[in-house]
Amino acid sequence: MSHVPETVKQYVCVDCQTMHAGTPIHHDGGDHTFEPPAACGACEGSEFVELGGWIHHHD
C-alpha cells in the first residue's frame, strides 16, 4: 500500500488576509487535526477562516 500525502489545512487571517499553515495537533492513536495559529504573524490578528471557506466569508 502506498502512502498518500496529506494536505495541510490553510487558514486566512480575517484582518490582513495573510495565509497560515495549520498547526498539527497530534491525538492518541496516531491521528491528528490542524488548528489555526493563536495570532497572525503579520498583524497579530486572532480571527482566521479556513481557506476552503474564505470565499463565503463576509465581515
Protein backbone atom coordinates (compact mmCIF):
# COMPACT_ATOMS: atom_id res chain seq x y z
CA MET A 1 0.00 0.00 0.00
CA SER A 2 1.47 3.36 -0.96
CA HIS A 3 1.48 6.39 1.27
CA VAL A 4 -0.95 9.17 0.32
CA PRO A 5 0.44 12.59 1.23
CA GLU A 6 -1.81 14.59 3.49
CA THR A 7 -2.84 18.13 2.68
CA VAL A 8 -2.19 20.67 5.42
CA LYS A 9 -5.19 22.86 6.23
CA GLN A 10 -4.59 26.52 5.48
CA TYR A 11 -6.13 29.48 7.25
CA VAL A 12 -6.60 33.11 6.18
CA CYS A 13 -6.28 35.98 8.66
CA VAL A 14 -9.51 37.98 8.55
CA ASP A 15 -7.68 41.24 9.31
CA CYS A 16 -4.85 41.21 6.74
CA GLN A 17 -5.58 38.16 4.53
CA THR A 18 -2.20 36.55 5.23
CA MET A 19 -2.29 32.76 4.81
CA HIS A 20 -1.00 30.42 7.50
CA ALA A 21 -0.40 26.68 7.56
CA GLY A 22 -2.44 24.96 10.24
CA THR A 23 -0.65 23.71 13.33
CA PRO A 24 -0.82 19.90 13.57
CA ILE A 25 -2.38 18.68 16.82
CA HIS A 26 -1.49 15.04 17.48
CA HIS A 27 -4.02 12.70 19.11
CA ASP A 28 -3.74 9.25 20.64
CA GLY A 29 -3.69 6.50 18.04
CA GLY A 30 -1.60 8.50 15.55
CA ASP A 31 -4.39 10.72 14.27
CA HIS A 32 -4.06 14.48 14.06
CA THR A 33 -6.03 17.57 13.18
CA PHE A 34 -4.98 21.09 12.22
CA GLU A 35 -5.74 24.32 14.06
CA PRO A 36 -5.15 27.94 13.09
CA PRO A 37 -2.39 29.81 14.90
CA ALA A 38 -3.20 31.75 18.06
CA ALA A 39 -2.21 35.02 16.37
CA CYS A 40 -1.30 36.18 12.87
CA GLY A 41 2.43 36.53 12.33
CA ALA A 42 1.91 39.63 10.19
CA CYS A 43 -0.68 41.73 12.04
CA GLU A 44 -1.27 39.82 15.31
CA GLY A 45 -4.96 39.35 14.42
CA SER A 46 -6.69 36.42 16.08
CA GLU A 47 -9.58 35.58 13.73
CA PHE A 48 -8.98 33.04 10.97
CA VAL A 49 -11.11 31.37 8.32
CA GLU A 50 -10.22 28.02 6.78
CA LEU A 51 -9.09 28.57 3.19
CA GLY A 52 -11.94 26.49 1.75
CA GLY A 53 -14.49 28.77 3.45
CA TRP A 54 -12.79 32.06 2.62
CA ILE A 55 -14.87 32.77 -0.49
CA HIS A 56 -18.03 32.51 1.62
CA HIS A 57 -16.70 34.63 4.49
CA HIS A 58 -18.31 38.03 4.99
CA ASP A 59 -17.45 40.66 7.60
